[in-house]
Protein backbone atom coordinates (compact mmCIF):
# COMPACT_ATOMS: atom_id res chain seq x y z
CA MET A 1 131.86 64.55 116.97
CA THR A 2 130.21 61.17 116.57
CA LEU A 3 126.57 60.37 115.95
CA LEU A 4 126.05 59.39 119.59
CA GLU A 5 127.41 62.73 120.78
CA GLU A 6 125.43 64.76 118.24
CA ILE A 7 122.10 63.00 118.80
CA LYS A 8 121.97 64.26 122.40
CA ASP A 9 121.52 67.83 121.10
CA VAL A 10 118.67 67.10 118.67
CA GLU A 11 115.66 69.18 119.72
CA SER A 12 113.91 70.16 116.50
CA TRP A 13 112.84 68.75 113.17
CA GLU A 14 115.54 70.68 111.32
CA GLN A 15 118.32 69.35 113.57
CA GLY A 16 117.03 65.79 113.13
CA VAL A 17 116.93 66.18 109.35
CA ALA A 18 120.45 67.65 109.31
CA LEU A 19 121.71 64.75 111.41
CA TYR A 20 120.06 62.21 109.09
CA ASN A 21 121.53 63.99 106.05
CA LYS A 22 124.96 63.67 107.63
CA TYR A 23 124.80 60.01 108.76
CA GLY A 24 121.86 58.46 106.90
CA LYS A 25 122.30 56.39 103.74
CA LYS A 26 118.90 56.48 102.05
CA SER A 27 118.88 59.34 99.56
CA GLY A 28 115.13 58.97 98.95
CA LEU A 29 114.40 59.63 102.60
CA LYS A 30 116.79 62.58 102.65
CA LEU A 31 114.76 64.14 99.82
CA ARG A 32 111.43 63.42 101.52
CA PHE A 33 112.61 64.93 104.80
CA ALA A 34 113.91 68.02 102.99
CA ARG A 35 110.72 68.63 100.95
CA HIS A 36 108.01 68.59 103.59
CA ARG A 37 107.13 67.72 107.15
CA SER A 38 104.22 65.65 108.44
CA PRO A 39 103.45 63.59 111.55
CA ALA A 40 104.14 60.39 109.60
CA LEU A 41 107.51 61.71 108.41
CA GLU A 42 108.35 62.80 111.96
CA LYS A 43 107.79 59.23 113.14
CA LYS A 44 109.84 57.92 110.23
CA LEU A 45 112.70 60.30 111.07
CA VAL A 46 112.69 59.16 114.69
CA TYR A 47 112.67 55.53 113.53
CA GLU A 48 115.56 56.06 111.10
CA LEU A 49 117.62 57.96 113.70
CA ASN A 50 117.00 55.09 116.14
CA LYS A 51 118.32 52.63 113.56
CA LEU A 52 121.45 54.74 113.09
CA VAL A 53 122.01 54.88 116.85
CA GLN A 54 121.57 51.11 117.16
CA ARG A 55 124.03 50.51 114.33
CA GLU A 56 126.55 52.87 115.94
CA ARG A 57 126.17 51.16 119.32
CA ARG A 58 126.72 47.76 117.72
CA LYS A 59 129.96 49.05 116.20
CA ILE A 60 131.07 50.30 119.61
CA SER A 61 130.18 47.03 121.33
CA ILE A 62 132.18 45.08 118.73
CA ASN A 63 135.18 47.44 118.96
CA PRO A 64 134.89 49.04 122.42
CA ALA A 65 136.90 52.12 123.21
CA PRO A 66 139.09 51.69 126.29
CA GLN A 67 137.69 54.59 128.34
CA ASN A 68 134.96 56.39 126.40
CA ASP A 69 132.15 53.83 126.59
CA PRO A 70 128.81 55.53 125.84
CA PRO A 71 125.94 55.03 128.28
CA GLN A 72 123.57 52.13 127.57
CA LYS A 73 120.49 54.27 127.06
CA LYS A 74 120.04 57.84 125.91
CA SER A 75 116.87 59.69 125.24
CA GLY A 76 116.24 62.88 123.38
CA GLY A 77 113.46 64.45 121.43
CA ILE A 78 112.43 65.97 118.19
CA SER A 79 109.98 68.81 118.60
CA SER A 80 106.85 68.87 116.55
CA GLY A 81 104.03 71.39 116.32
CA SER A 82 101.83 69.66 118.90
CA GLY A 83 104.54 68.56 121.34
CA SER A 84 107.60 66.39 121.12
CA ILE A 85 108.33 62.93 119.88
CA SER A 86 110.85 61.19 122.07
CA TRP A 87 113.03 58.24 121.20
CA VAL A 88 114.78 55.69 123.36
CA TYR A 89 117.15 53.00 122.20
CA THR A 90 116.30 49.56 123.53
CA LYS A 91 117.64 46.12 122.75
CA PRO A 92 115.12 43.66 121.31
CA THR A 93 113.52 41.68 124.12
CA ASN A 94 111.91 38.29 124.19
CA ARG A 95 108.56 40.03 123.82
CA ILE A 96 109.64 41.72 120.59
CA LEU A 97 110.93 38.43 119.23
CA LEU A 98 107.61 36.80 120.16
CA TYR A 99 105.69 39.57 118.38
CA ARG A 100 107.83 39.03 115.28
CA GLU A 101 107.19 35.29 115.32
CA GLN A 102 103.47 35.85 115.85
CA THR A 103 103.30 38.34 112.97
CA HIS A 104 105.20 35.97 110.70
CA LEU A 105 102.79 33.14 111.51
CA HIS A 106 99.76 35.38 110.92
CA GLN A 107 101.11 36.49 107.54
CA ASN A 108 101.80 32.96 106.37
CA LEU A 109 98.70 31.29 107.79
CA GLU A 110 96.76 31.48 104.52
CA SER A 111 99.59 30.12 102.40
CA MET A 112 100.30 27.03 104.50
CA PRO A 113 100.00 23.79 102.55
CA ASP A 114 97.41 21.93 104.62
CA ASP A 115 95.01 22.15 107.55
CA LYS A 116 97.43 20.38 109.88
CA ALA A 117 100.11 23.06 109.38
CA ARG A 118 97.53 25.86 109.76
CA LYS A 119 96.23 24.28 112.98
CA LYS A 120 99.76 23.98 114.36
CA ALA A 121 100.48 27.63 113.50
CA ALA A 122 97.18 28.77 115.05
CA PHE A 123 97.98 26.98 118.30
CA ARG A 124 101.46 28.51 118.31
CA ILE A 125 99.92 31.97 117.82
CA LEU A 126 97.75 31.36 120.90
CA GLU A 127 100.78 30.15 122.88
CA ILE A 128 102.69 33.28 121.92
CA GLU A 129 99.77 35.47 123.00
CA THR A 130 99.81 33.78 126.42
CA GLU A 131 103.58 34.16 126.74
CA ILE A 132 103.38 37.85 125.85
CA ARG A 133 100.68 38.42 128.50
CA LEU A 134 102.80 36.64 131.10
CA ILE A 135 105.85 38.74 130.22
CA GLU A 136 103.79 41.95 130.41
CA ASP A 137 102.47 40.89 133.83
CA GLY A 138 106.03 40.30 135.00
CA ILE A 139 105.68 36.52 135.19
CA ALA A 140 108.26 34.51 133.31
CA PRO A 141 106.63 31.86 131.13
CA LYS A 142 107.17 28.28 132.25
CA ARG A 143 109.83 26.50 130.26
CA LYS A 144 109.57 22.88 129.23
CA ASP A 145 111.99 20.45 130.79
CA PRO A 146 114.24 19.28 127.94
CA ILE A 147 115.16 16.03 129.68
CA ALA A 148 111.53 15.04 130.29
CA GLU A 149 110.87 14.92 126.53
CA ILE A 150 113.61 12.36 125.81
CA PRO A 151 112.13 8.97 124.85
CA SER A 152 113.25 5.78 126.60
CA ASP A 153 113.73 3.73 123.41
CA LYS A 154 117.33 3.83 122.11
CA GLY A 155 116.24 3.98 118.46
CA LEU A 156 114.02 7.01 119.16
CA MET A 157 116.84 8.59 121.18
CA MET A 158 119.21 8.24 118.21
CA LYS A 159 116.59 9.77 115.92
CA MET A 160 116.09 12.69 118.32
CA LEU A 161 119.85 13.14 118.65
CA ASN A 162 120.31 13.36 114.88
CA ASN A 163 117.31 15.68 114.45
CA ASN A 164 118.65 17.95 117.19
CA ARG A 165 122.12 18.03 115.64
CA ALA A 166 120.67 19.03 112.27
CA TYR A 167 118.51 21.73 113.89
CA ILE A 168 121.42 23.10 115.92
CA SER A 169 123.80 23.29 112.97
CA LYS A 170 121.16 25.02 110.85
CA ASN A 171 120.08 27.60 113.45
CA LYS A 172 123.06 28.12 115.77
CA ASN A 173 123.79 31.62 114.42
CA LYS A 174 120.20 32.86 114.29
CA GLU A 175 119.24 34.98 117.28
CA LYS A 176 115.58 34.12 116.87
CA TYR A 177 116.22 30.41 117.58
CA MET A 178 118.80 30.65 120.38
CA ASP A 179 116.40 29.39 123.08
CA LYS A 180 115.45 26.34 121.00
CA VAL A 181 119.09 25.66 120.14
CA ALA A 182 120.01 25.73 123.86
CA PHE A 183 117.02 23.48 124.64
CA ARG A 184 118.10 20.91 122.05
CA THR A 185 121.75 21.11 123.13
CA VAL A 186 120.74 20.15 126.69
CA GLN A 187 118.72 17.26 125.26
CA ASN A 188 121.69 16.05 123.20
CA ILE A 189 124.03 16.09 126.19
CA GLU A 190 121.60 13.97 128.17
CA ILE A 191 120.94 11.60 125.26
CA GLU A 192 124.68 11.07 124.73
CA LYS A 193 125.07 10.24 128.45
CA ARG A 194 122.23 7.71 128.26
CA LEU A 195 123.53 6.06 125.12
CA LYS A 196 127.02 5.42 126.56
C-alpha cells in the first residue's frame, strides 16, 4: 500500500504516528510523537502528514500512473480527546503566495537600508492587504495593463527591454514571480514590435 492509500484509514493519534514513523524522515519528530501527545503535537502531526501527502502527489503528477490516478483532494481525520482534527490537501493559491510575500516584507521592514525602501515595502504591504480582501470577497484584483506602461522614447524602451530580460532570466523558474515574469514578457513582445 502507498501513503495515499493508507492515509485514508487514519482515524486516531496512534495510527497517524505509525504512518509518520513509516513514511516520515525527521527522527526528532518521530521521538516526540512517540513520547507524549498534546494539542500542539497533534497539529504538528497533521501538518507533517499533509507535507508527506503533498510530496507524494507531486511525485505522482511528475510520473503519472496510466490508470490509477488518485483523486485531487482527500480528507481524513485524526481523533483527539476533544474532537477530531481534519486535514485537507490544497494547492497553494494566489492568496497564500500573497500572505507569504506580505509576511516576508513585514519581517524585513526593520532591516531595510533606507526610508525610501521601507516606504515602498509599506505601500506594497497595503496593496497586498487589499488584494487579499478582494480575493476573499470573490473579486479578482485588477491587473495592470503591461502595454500601457511602455514609454514612447526609444532609449527608455531599450532600457525597459533589457531590464525585463534580466528580470525574466533571473526569475523564470520561481513560482512566486510567475505573474511578474508573464507581465514583463508581454511588455518585451510589444517593445520588440515597436522597435522594428
